[in-house]
Amino acid sequence: MKLTETEDGTVIEVFVKPNQPKFKIAFDCDEIVVYSTQEPVKGKVNKEIVKEFSRLFRAEVELISGSASKQKKLMAKGLKKNEAERVLQGTIRQSLSTSPSKDRSINDEGSKHAKR
C-alpha cells in the first residue's frame, strides 16, 4: 500500500480503472486499484472516489493530485497512516471472511478483480 503520513493526514496513492460494472477497491501487489463505475468526464470518477473513500475512512477526503490521470493521490484529513492501514486491512479481512474466494478486493460481494 502506498500511504504517506503528513501533518494534515494520510496521503493515499491509487490507480483508477473507470467504467467498471461495480465500484470496488482492490490490491495488486502494493498498489491500491480503484474500480470506478463512472466515466472519466467532468470529474465524475474523482467525485465517486472521494465519496467512497470518505465513507470508508469516516474522514474528510480530498483529491490532491491526478485529477485528469489514472494515478491519483487522495488526502484523508486527520487520519494517521496506521489507522488507514488498519481500515484497509480490516475491510479486506471482512471481505474475505464473507466470500468463498481468496480475493484481495474490497466491495459488497467480494468478487475477484481483474488484472490491468
Protein backbone atom coordinates (compact mmCIF):
# COMPACT_ATOMS: atom_id res chain seq x y z
CA MET A 1 0.00 0.00 0.00
CA LYS A 2 1.25 3.43 -0.86
CA LEU A 3 0.37 5.51 2.18
CA THR A 4 2.29 8.53 3.45
CA GLU A 5 1.55 10.28 6.74
CA THR A 6 1.74 14.08 6.78
CA GLU A 7 0.88 16.66 9.42
CA ASP A 8 -2.57 17.09 7.78
CA GLY A 9 -3.43 13.39 7.49
CA THR A 10 -2.54 10.47 5.24
CA VAL A 11 -1.87 10.56 1.51
CA ILE A 12 -3.23 7.51 -0.33
CA GLU A 13 -1.94 6.74 -3.82
CA VAL A 14 -4.37 4.86 -6.06
CA PHE A 15 -4.65 3.64 -9.66
CA VAL A 16 -8.12 4.09 -11.16
CA LYS A 17 -9.97 1.95 -13.70
CA PRO A 18 -13.11 3.83 -14.86
CA ASN A 19 -16.27 2.45 -16.49
CA GLN A 20 -16.42 -0.71 -14.38
CA PRO A 21 -19.66 -2.57 -13.65
CA LYS A 22 -19.25 -2.23 -9.85
CA PHE A 23 -17.26 0.09 -7.59
CA LYS A 24 -14.57 -1.67 -5.60
CA ILE A 25 -11.14 -1.19 -4.10
CA ALA A 26 -8.58 -3.95 -4.63
CA PHE A 27 -4.88 -4.54 -4.17
CA ASP A 28 -2.46 -5.59 -6.88
CA CYS A 29 0.93 -6.21 -5.24
CA ASP A 30 1.49 -3.00 -3.28
CA GLU A 31 -0.81 -0.84 -5.40
CA ILE A 32 -4.35 0.19 -4.46
CA VAL A 33 -6.59 -0.23 -7.51
CA VAL A 34 -9.95 1.53 -7.58
CA TYR A 35 -12.63 0.24 -9.95
CA SER A 36 -14.98 3.16 -10.62
CA THR A 37 -18.43 2.87 -12.14
CA GLN A 38 -18.24 6.40 -13.53
CA GLU A 39 -16.99 7.69 -16.86
CA PRO A 40 -13.82 9.81 -16.79
CA VAL A 41 -15.63 13.01 -17.80
CA LYS A 42 -16.40 16.20 -15.84
CA GLY A 43 -14.79 14.84 -12.66
CA LYS A 44 -17.34 12.06 -12.17
CA VAL A 45 -14.69 9.46 -11.31
CA ASN A 46 -12.99 11.84 -8.88
CA LYS A 47 -16.27 12.60 -7.10
CA GLU A 48 -17.10 8.90 -6.73
CA ILE A 49 -13.63 8.07 -5.36
CA VAL A 50 -13.68 10.93 -2.83
CA LYS A 51 -17.19 9.94 -1.69
CA GLU A 52 -16.34 6.23 -1.27
CA PHE A 53 -13.01 6.83 0.50
CA SER A 54 -14.66 9.39 2.80
CA ARG A 55 -17.25 6.78 3.73
CA LEU A 56 -14.62 4.06 4.17
CA PHE A 57 -12.35 6.13 6.42
CA ARG A 58 -15.13 8.16 8.07
CA ALA A 59 -12.98 11.22 7.44
CA GLU A 60 -12.82 14.14 5.05
CA VAL A 61 -11.02 13.02 1.89
CA GLU A 62 -9.91 15.27 -0.95
CA LEU A 63 -8.15 14.72 -4.26
CA ILE A 64 -4.73 16.38 -4.08
CA SER A 65 -3.28 15.31 -7.44
CA GLY A 66 -4.14 13.39 -10.59
CA SER A 67 -7.48 14.98 -11.41
CA ALA A 68 -7.03 14.08 -15.10
CA SER A 69 -4.92 10.95 -14.60
CA LYS A 70 -5.47 7.32 -13.67
CA GLN A 71 -2.81 7.74 -10.97
CA LYS A 72 -4.30 9.80 -8.13
CA LYS A 73 -3.35 10.96 -4.67
CA LEU A 74 -6.01 11.41 -2.01
CA MET A 75 -5.62 13.12 1.37
CA ALA A 76 -7.56 11.62 4.27
CA LYS A 77 -7.55 14.58 6.65
CA GLY A 78 -6.77 13.91 10.30
CA LEU A 79 -6.20 10.20 9.65
CA LYS A 80 -2.94 8.60 10.77
CA LYS A 81 -1.16 6.15 8.46
CA ASN A 82 -1.61 3.22 10.85
CA GLU A 83 -5.35 3.96 11.07
CA ALA A 84 -5.65 3.99 7.27
CA GLU A 85 -3.75 0.68 7.03
CA ARG A 86 -5.95 -0.84 9.75
CA VAL A 87 -9.16 0.25 7.99
CA LEU A 88 -7.99 -1.06 4.61
CA GLN A 89 -6.71 -4.37 6.03
CA GLY A 90 -9.82 -4.81 8.18
CA THR A 91 -12.04 -4.27 5.18
CA ILE A 92 -10.03 -6.86 3.24
CA ARG A 93 -10.37 -9.40 6.07
CA GLN A 94 -14.10 -8.74 6.32
CA SER A 95 -14.49 -9.15 2.57
CA LEU A 96 -12.50 -12.39 2.58
CA SER A 97 -14.44 -13.86 5.51
CA THR A 98 -17.76 -13.31 3.73
CA SER A 99 -16.54 -14.54 0.35
CA PRO A 100 -15.65 -18.10 -0.67
CA SER A 101 -12.90 -16.78 -2.96
CA LYS A 102 -9.43 -15.91 -1.69
CA ASP A 103 -9.51 -12.43 -3.15
CA ARG A 104 -7.84 -9.23 -2.04
CA SER A 105 -10.58 -6.82 -3.04
CA ILE A 106 -12.94 -4.56 -1.19
CA ASN A 107 -16.54 -4.42 -2.34
CA ASP A 108 -20.01 -5.51 -1.30
CA GLU A 109 -19.75 -9.03 -2.72
CA GLY A 110 -16.01 -9.76 -2.52
CA SER A 111 -15.82 -10.60 -6.23
CA LYS A 112 -12.45 -11.13 -7.84
CA HIS A 113 -10.70 -8.21 -9.51
CA ALA A 114 -9.25 -8.36 -12.98
CA LYS A 115 -5.62 -7.73 -13.82
CA ARG A 116 -4.77 -4.42 -15.51
